Structure formats: structure tokens, C-alpha cells
Amino acid sequence: MADVQEAQAPAAETAAVEVEEESKGKVAIYEKVDAFVKEKTGKRIGKTGGREIFDMVINEMFALAAREGTARFNGGFGSLHVREYQAGSRRLPSGATTTFGEREKLRYEEGVVVKALVANKGNLEEALKARGSRAPKEGDAAKPAKEAKAPKAPKPAKEAKPAAAPAAAPAPAAAAATDGDIDLA
């Protein structure tokens, strides 16, 4: 019996080492979350707090996707979608035929950044370049910026329809430059 325990001990140690090596990437994420929170608040939450935040975000993203049928990840990282599949049957490699009913599955659709990450073997800085920028390009600097549209006035009721409504004057540039505030004076 002692021989069995001795044989199991190295196997258990090997399994523990493999789990430790697998989770190094996630531990680095937990540490980044900790560092970010410390930078923003001046307080440390540690790896455990980083993991709690990470797990909470993952849980909520999958719950959102299941609840609403879709959830998009920010910044070109793709989306999750609930897909409906019809009933059918398939022949297995063993030769047996299996049948299955209608079902729904949550599927991931990769975005442009993820495609670039896969192509460059995980270089995030290079992959982020694939999504582009929302800032105007150097050649576009000579083009005037689009003016903010004034909010649409509510449509009058059908009974109160005037014969000819005067055209609304465009909002002055100074009013459009404020953060969406309208000067009513």
C-alpha cells in the first residue's frame, strides 16, 4: 500500500504543477486589475480582489448574452450570440447514429482584434492596431468636422397640423459646441 501512495504522490505533484502553469496567465490578469484599481483609488485589492472583479465581469457578460441573445465585447474583441439549432441526427465515427432535438447554444464570434491576435500569436499591442482609430487621419485634418445635429423637435399631433410650417433655423455654432446643452435664451 505504501508503494501505491508513493506512486500517487508524484502524479499529484505533477497535476498541481500543470494547474499552476495553466493559471499563470490569469494570475497576471488579476494582478493587472489590482494595479489598475490601486492606480485609480490608491488602495490595493490584491490578486484575490482582482480575481473577484475578473470573475464578476465574466459572469455578467455571459449572463447578459444568455438573457438578451447577444453581448458585444468592447474594442473589436467580438461578441457572444445565442444560436438556435434544429433537430437532427448524425453518424458518429463508431458507426452509431445519434439523434438530438432542437437546442440553443451560446456561440462566440471573433472580432477584428481577435483575428489579429490569432494571426500574430498574442501580440496585443500589434493586434490593437487592427481596429483602427476614431481620430481623424492626417489627410482628413483639412476637412471640416461634422457639426453636431440639433435634436429633432417632436412631431405635432395630426389634428394640429399647420398648413405650412416655417423651416427650423440651424443651431448656432456656439450652441452646438457646448456639451449638448441648448441655449434657450
C-alpha atoms as a PDB file:
ATOM      1  CA  MET A   1       0.000   0.000   0.000  1.00  0.00           C
ATOM      2  CA  ALA A   2       2.925   2.335   0.661  1.00  0.00           C
ATOM      3  CA  ASP A   3       4.068   1.759  -2.922  1.00  0.00           C
ATOM      4  CA  VAL A   4       0.671   2.924  -4.229  1.00  0.00           C
ATOM      5  CA  GLN A   5       0.835   6.117  -2.136  1.00  0.00           C
ATOM      6  CA  GLU A   6       4.389   6.812  -3.312  1.00  0.00           C
ATOM      7  CA  ALA A   7       3.302   6.333  -6.936  1.00  0.00           C
ATOM      8  CA  GLN A   8       0.327   8.648  -6.486  1.00  0.00           C
ATOM      9  CA  ALA A   9       2.340  11.425  -4.821  1.00  0.00           C
ATOM     10  CA  PRO A  10       4.454  12.319  -7.892  1.00  0.00           C
ATOM     11  CA  ALA A  11       1.329  12.189 -10.070  1.00  0.00           C
ATOM     12  CA  ALA A  12      -0.475  14.581  -7.715  1.00  0.00           C
ATOM     13  CA  GLU A  13       2.518  16.928  -7.668  1.00  0.00           C
ATOM     14  CA  THR A  14       2.676  16.878 -11.464  1.00  0.00           C
ATOM     15  CA  ALA A  15      -1.040  17.699 -11.711  1.00  0.00           C
ATOM     16  CA  ALA A  16      -0.611  20.582  -9.252  1.00  0.00           C
ATOM     17  CA  VAL A  17       2.313  21.959 -11.268  1.00  0.00           C
ATOM     18  CA  GLU A  18       0.281  21.750 -14.507  1.00  0.00           C
ATOM     19  CA  VAL A  19      -2.632  23.642 -12.922  1.00  0.00           C
ATOM     20  CA  GLU A  20      -0.190  26.252 -11.596  1.00  0.00           C
ATOM     21  CA  GLU A  21       1.371  26.717 -15.052  1.00  0.00           C
ATOM     22  CA  GLU A  22      -2.024  26.969 -16.743  1.00  0.00           C
ATOM     23  CA  SER A  23      -3.214  29.701 -14.430  1.00  0.00           C
ATOM     24  CA  LYS A  24      -0.131  31.963 -14.669  1.00  0.00           C
ATOM     25  CA  GLY A  25      -1.808  33.962 -17.446  1.00  0.00           C
ATOM     26  CA  LYS A  26      -4.946  34.508 -15.410  1.00  0.00           C
ATOM     27  CA  VAL A  27      -2.912  35.410 -12.316  1.00  0.00           C
ATOM     28  CA  ALA A  28      -1.228  38.097 -14.424  1.00  0.00           C
ATOM     29  CA  ILE A  29      -4.697  39.446 -15.315  1.00  0.00           C
ATOM     30  CA  TYR A  30      -5.706  39.507 -11.640  1.00  0.00           C
ATOM     31  CA  GLU A  31      -2.511  41.420 -10.846  1.00  0.00           C
ATOM     32  CA  LYS A  32      -3.221  43.923 -13.657  1.00  0.00           C
ATOM     33  CA  VAL A  33      -6.710  44.515 -12.258  1.00  0.00           C
ATOM     34  CA  ASP A  34      -5.165  45.042  -8.811  1.00  0.00           C
ATOM     35  CA  ALA A  35      -2.632  47.527 -10.220  1.00  0.00           C
ATOM     36  CA  PHE A  36      -5.356  49.403 -12.122  1.00  0.00           C
ATOM     37  CA  VAL A  37      -7.562  49.717  -9.035  1.00  0.00           C
ATOM     38  CA  LYS A  38      -4.561  50.869  -6.979  1.00  0.00           C
ATOM     39  CA  GLU A  39      -3.712  53.497  -9.615  1.00  0.00           C
ATOM     40  CA  LYS A  40      -7.299  54.792  -9.693  1.00  0.00           C
ATOM     41  CA  THR A  41      -8.126  54.629  -5.975  1.00  0.00           C
ATOM     42  CA  GLY A  42      -4.792  54.475  -4.157  1.00  0.00           C
ATOM     43  CA  LYS A  43      -5.908  51.247  -2.443  1.00  0.00           C
ATOM     44  CA  ARG A  44      -4.767  47.682  -3.083  1.00  0.00           C
ATOM     45  CA  ILE A  45      -7.251  44.901  -3.590  1.00  0.00           C
ATOM     46  CA  GLY A  46      -4.654  42.185  -4.208  1.00  0.00           C
ATOM     47  CA  LYS A  47      -4.804  39.224  -6.562  1.00  0.00           C
ATOM     48  CA  THR A  48      -7.885  37.923  -4.776  1.00  0.00           C
ATOM     49  CA  GLY A  49      -9.748  41.197  -5.333  1.00  0.00           C
ATOM     50  CA  GLY A  50      -8.541  41.244  -8.944  1.00  0.00           C
ATOM     51  CA  ARG A  51      -9.903  37.745  -9.417  1.00  0.00           C
ATOM     52  CA  GLU A  52     -13.260  38.708  -7.870  1.00  0.00           C
ATOM     53  CA  ILE A  53     -13.623  41.623 -10.299  1.00  0.00           C
ATOM     54  CA  PHE A  54     -12.485  39.494 -13.258  1.00  0.00           C
ATOM     55  CA  ASP A  55     -14.932  36.699 -12.353  1.00  0.00           C
ATOM     56  CA  MET A  56     -17.765  39.194 -11.849  1.00  0.00           C
ATOM     57  CA  VAL A  57     -17.197  40.715 -15.314  1.00  0.00           C
ATOM     58  CA  ILE A  58     -17.045  37.289 -16.992  1.00  0.00           C
ATOM     59  CA  ASN A  59     -20.185  36.117 -15.160  1.00  0.00           C
ATOM     60  CA  GLU A  60     -22.134  39.229 -16.107  1.00  0.00           C
ATOM     61  CA  MET A  61     -21.051  39.101 -19.787  1.00  0.00           C
ATOM     62  CA  PHE A  62     -22.257  35.526 -20.212  1.00  0.00           C
ATOM     63  CA  ALA A  63     -25.474  36.215 -18.283  1.00  0.00           C
ATOM     64  CA  LEU A  64     -26.121  39.274 -20.470  1.00  0.00           C
ATOM     65  CA  ALA A  65     -25.590  37.252 -23.641  1.00  0.00           C
ATOM     66  CA  ALA A  66     -27.921  34.480 -22.476  1.00  0.00           C
ATOM     67  CA  ARG A  67     -30.567  36.945 -21.291  1.00  0.00           C
ATOM     68  CA  GLU A  68     -30.579  39.291 -24.307  1.00  0.00           C
ATOM     69  CA  GLY A  69     -29.413  36.883 -27.014  1.00  0.00           C
ATOM     70  CA  THR A  70     -26.241  38.852 -27.776  1.00  0.00           C
ATOM     71  CA  ALA A  71     -23.438  40.687 -25.998  1.00  0.00           C
ATOM     72  CA  ARG A  72     -20.641  42.600 -27.731  1.00  0.00           C
ATOM     73  CA  PHE A  73     -17.185  42.904 -26.230  1.00  0.00           C
ATOM     74  CA  ASN A  74     -15.713  46.394 -26.443  1.00  0.00           C
ATOM     75  CA  GLY A  75     -12.908  47.357 -28.794  1.00  0.00           C
ATOM     76  CA  GLY A  76     -13.120  44.799 -31.601  1.00  0.00           C
ATOM     77  CA  PHE A  77     -12.954  41.698 -29.401  1.00  0.00           C
ATOM     78  CA  GLY A  78     -16.060  40.080 -30.852  1.00  0.00           C
ATOM     79  CA  SER A  79     -19.418  39.056 -29.452  1.00  0.00           C
ATOM     80  CA  LEU A  80     -21.468  36.263 -27.933  1.00  0.00           C
ATOM     81  CA  HIS A  81     -24.716  35.155 -29.600  1.00  0.00           C
ATOM     82  CA  VAL A  82     -27.407  32.634 -28.694  1.00  0.00           C
ATOM     83  CA  ARG A  83     -27.979  30.413 -31.732  1.00  0.00           C
ATOM     84  CA  GLU A  84     -30.903  28.080 -32.285  1.00  0.00           C
ATOM     85  CA  TYR A  85     -30.265  24.712 -33.904  1.00  0.00           C
ATOM     86  CA  GLN A  86     -32.816  22.357 -35.477  1.00  0.00           C
ATOM     87  CA  ALA A  87     -33.368  18.758 -34.530  1.00  0.00           C
ATOM     88  CA  GLY A  88     -31.374  16.203 -36.463  1.00  0.00           C
ATOM     89  CA  SER A  89     -29.178  13.138 -36.377  1.00  0.00           C
ATOM     90  CA  ARG A  90     -25.543  12.357 -37.024  1.00  0.00           C
ATOM     91  CA  ARG A  91     -23.445   9.303 -37.643  1.00  0.00           C
ATOM     92  CA  LEU A  92     -20.639   9.007 -35.107  1.00  0.00           C
ATOM     93  CA  PRO A  93     -17.160   7.747 -36.041  1.00  0.00           C
ATOM     94  CA  SER A  94     -18.036   4.469 -34.305  1.00  0.00           C
ATOM     95  CA  GLY A  95     -20.843   3.968 -36.838  1.00  0.00           C
ATOM     96  CA  ALA A  96     -23.671   4.546 -34.384  1.00  0.00           C
ATOM     97  CA  THR A  97     -26.316   7.148 -35.211  1.00  0.00           C
ATOM     98  CA  THR A  98     -27.327   9.700 -32.603  1.00  0.00           C
ATOM     99  CA  THR A  99     -30.344  11.973 -32.702  1.00  0.00           C
ATOM    100  CA  PHE A 100     -30.846  15.269 -30.941  1.00  0.00           C
ATOM    101  CA  GLY A 101     -33.688  17.716 -30.563  1.00  0.00           C
ATOM    102  CA  GLU A 102     -33.907  21.451 -31.094  1.00  0.00           C
ATOM    103  CA  ARG A 103     -31.428  23.304 -28.927  1.00  0.00           C
ATOM    104  CA  GLU A 104     -29.890  26.681 -28.219  1.00  0.00           C
ATOM    105  CA  LYS A 105     -26.184  27.293 -27.746  1.00  0.00           C
ATOM    106  CA  LEU A 106     -24.124  30.311 -26.846  1.00  0.00           C
ATOM    107  CA  ARG A 107     -21.534  30.931 -29.562  1.00  0.00           C
ATOM    108  CA  TYR A 108     -18.587  33.311 -29.792  1.00  0.00           C
ATOM    109  CA  GLU A 109     -17.946  35.361 -32.942  1.00  0.00           C
ATOM    110  CA  GLU A 110     -14.462  36.825 -33.152  1.00  0.00           C
ATOM    111  CA  GLY A 111     -13.802  40.478 -33.851  1.00  0.00           C
ATOM    112  CA  VAL A 112     -11.036  42.163 -35.847  1.00  0.00           C
ATOM    113  CA  VAL A 113      -8.685  42.419 -32.856  1.00  0.00           C
ATOM    114  CA  VAL A 114      -9.090  38.726 -32.038  1.00  0.00           C
ATOM    115  CA  LYS A 115      -8.379  37.774 -35.663  1.00  0.00           C
ATOM    116  CA  ALA A 116      -5.181  39.824 -35.474  1.00  0.00           C
ATOM    117  CA  LEU A 117      -4.259  38.270 -32.105  1.00  0.00           C
ATOM    118  CA  VAL A 118      -4.585  34.770 -33.500  1.00  0.00           C
ATOM    119  CA  ALA A 119      -2.564  35.695 -36.581  1.00  0.00           C
ATOM    120  CA  ASN A 120       0.286  37.281 -34.583  1.00  0.00           C
ATOM    121  CA  LYS A 121       0.281  34.695 -31.761  1.00  0.00           C
ATOM    122  CA  GLY A 122      -0.993  37.008 -28.997  1.00  0.00           C
ATOM    123  CA  ASN A 123       0.831  40.315 -29.501  1.00  0.00           C
ATOM    124  CA  LEU A 124      -1.857  42.622 -28.105  1.00  0.00           C
ATOM    125  CA  GLU A 125      -0.139  45.903 -29.000  1.00  0.00           C
ATOM    126  CA  GLU A 126       0.056  44.933 -32.680  1.00  0.00           C
ATOM    127  CA  ALA A 127      -3.462  43.464 -32.688  1.00  0.00           C
ATOM    128  CA  LEU A 128      -4.989  46.661 -31.301  1.00  0.00           C
ATOM    129  CA  LYS A 129      -3.753  48.447 -34.426  1.00  0.00           C
ATOM    130  CA  ALA A 130      -6.165  46.288 -36.466  1.00  0.00           C
ATOM    131  CA  ARG A 131      -9.215  48.042 -35.065  1.00  0.00           C
ATOM    132  CA  GLY A 132      -8.023  51.429 -36.234  1.00  0.00           C
ATOM    133  CA  SER A 133      -8.690  54.726 -34.590  1.00  0.00           C
ATOM    134  CA  ARG A 134     -11.667  57.023 -34.348  1.00  0.00           C
ATOM    135  CA  ALA A 135      -9.406  60.066 -34.565  1.00  0.00           C
ATOM    136  CA  PRO A 136      -9.294  61.754 -37.987  1.00  0.00           C
ATOM    137  CA  LYS A 137      -6.403  60.709 -40.193  1.00  0.00           C
ATOM    138  CA  GLU A 138      -3.707  63.215 -41.123  1.00  0.00           C
ATOM    139  CA  GLY A 139      -5.156  63.661 -44.626  1.00  0.00           C
ATOM    140  CA  ASP A 140      -8.613  64.252 -43.145  1.00  0.00           C
ATOM    141  CA  ALA A 141      -7.418  67.147 -40.958  1.00  0.00           C
ATOM    142  CA  ALA A 142      -8.196  69.668 -43.730  1.00  0.00           C
ATOM    143  CA  LYS A 143     -11.831  68.511 -43.847  1.00  0.00           C
ATOM    144  CA  PRO A 144     -14.192  70.380 -41.539  1.00  0.00           C
ATOM    145  CA  ALA A 145     -15.538  68.399 -38.628  1.00  0.00           C
ATOM    146  CA  LYS A 146     -19.165  67.349 -38.830  1.00  0.00           C
ATOM    147  CA  GLU A 147     -21.432  69.678 -36.948  1.00  0.00           C
ATOM    148  CA  ALA A 148     -23.489  68.225 -34.164  1.00  0.00           C
ATOM    149  CA  LYS A 149     -27.083  67.756 -35.209  1.00  0.00           C
ATOM    150  CA  ALA A 150     -29.680  69.681 -33.276  1.00  0.00           C
ATOM    151  CA  PRO A 151     -32.214  67.451 -31.545  1.00  0.00           C
ATOM    152  CA  LYS A 152     -35.349  66.883 -33.590  1.00  0.00           C
ATOM    153  CA  ALA A 153     -38.459  68.692 -32.475  1.00  0.00           C
ATOM    154  CA  PRO A 154     -41.357  66.431 -31.537  1.00  0.00           C
ATOM    155  CA  LYS A 155     -43.822  65.872 -34.354  1.00  0.00           C
ATOM    156  CA  PRO A 156     -47.066  67.783 -33.943  1.00  0.00           C
ATOM    157  CA  ALA A 157     -50.244  65.813 -33.496  1.00  0.00           C
ATOM    158  CA  LYS A 158     -52.180  65.094 -36.703  1.00  0.00           C
ATOM    159  CA  GLU A 159     -55.046  67.396 -35.703  1.00  0.00           C
ATOM    160  CA  ALA A 160     -52.760  70.363 -35.078  1.00  0.00           C
ATOM    161  CA  LYS A 161     -51.003  70.152 -38.416  1.00  0.00           C
ATOM    162  CA  PRO A 162     -50.219  73.664 -39.691  1.00  0.00           C
ATOM    163  CA  ALA A 163     -50.695  74.437 -43.385  1.00  0.00           C
ATOM    164  CA  ALA A 164     -47.074  75.448 -43.885  1.00  0.00           C
ATOM    165  CA  ALA A 165     -44.529  75.184 -41.107  1.00  0.00           C
ATOM    166  CA  PRO A 166     -41.561  77.565 -41.239  1.00  0.00           C
ATOM    167  CA  ALA A 167     -38.208  75.858 -41.665  1.00  0.00           C
ATOM    168  CA  ALA A 168     -36.278  75.495 -38.411  1.00  0.00           C
ATOM    169  CA  ALA A 169     -33.139  77.618 -38.257  1.00  0.00           C
ATOM    170  CA  PRO A 170     -29.924  75.645 -37.781  1.00  0.00           C
ATOM    171  CA  ALA A 171     -28.417  75.821 -34.292  1.00  0.00           C
ATOM    172  CA  PRO A 172     -25.681  78.450 -33.953  1.00  0.00           C
ATOM    173  CA  ALA A 173     -22.145  77.056 -33.889  1.00  0.00           C
ATOM    174  CA  ALA A 174     -21.583  78.259 -30.315  1.00  0.00           C
ATOM    175  CA  ALA A 175     -24.633  76.369 -29.061  1.00  0.00           C
ATOM    176  CA  ALA A 176     -23.563  73.224 -30.899  1.00  0.00           C
ATOM    177  CA  ALA A 177     -20.085  73.424 -29.371  1.00  0.00           C
ATOM    178  CA  THR A 178     -21.379  73.035 -25.810  1.00  0.00           C
ATOM    179  CA  ASP A 179     -21.836  69.565 -24.402  1.00  0.00           C
ATOM    180  CA  GLY A 180     -25.286  69.098 -25.831  1.00  0.00           C
ATOM    181  CA  ASP A 181     -26.764  71.991 -23.846  1.00  0.00           C
ATOM    182  CA  ILE A 182     -29.189  74.151 -25.743  1.00  0.00           C
ATOM    183  CA  ASP A 183     -29.263  77.896 -25.053  1.00  0.00           C
ATOM    184  CA  LEU A 184     -32.928  78.789 -24.764  1.00  0.00           C
ATOM    185  CA  ALA A 185     -32.324  82.475 -24.004  1.00  0.00           C
END
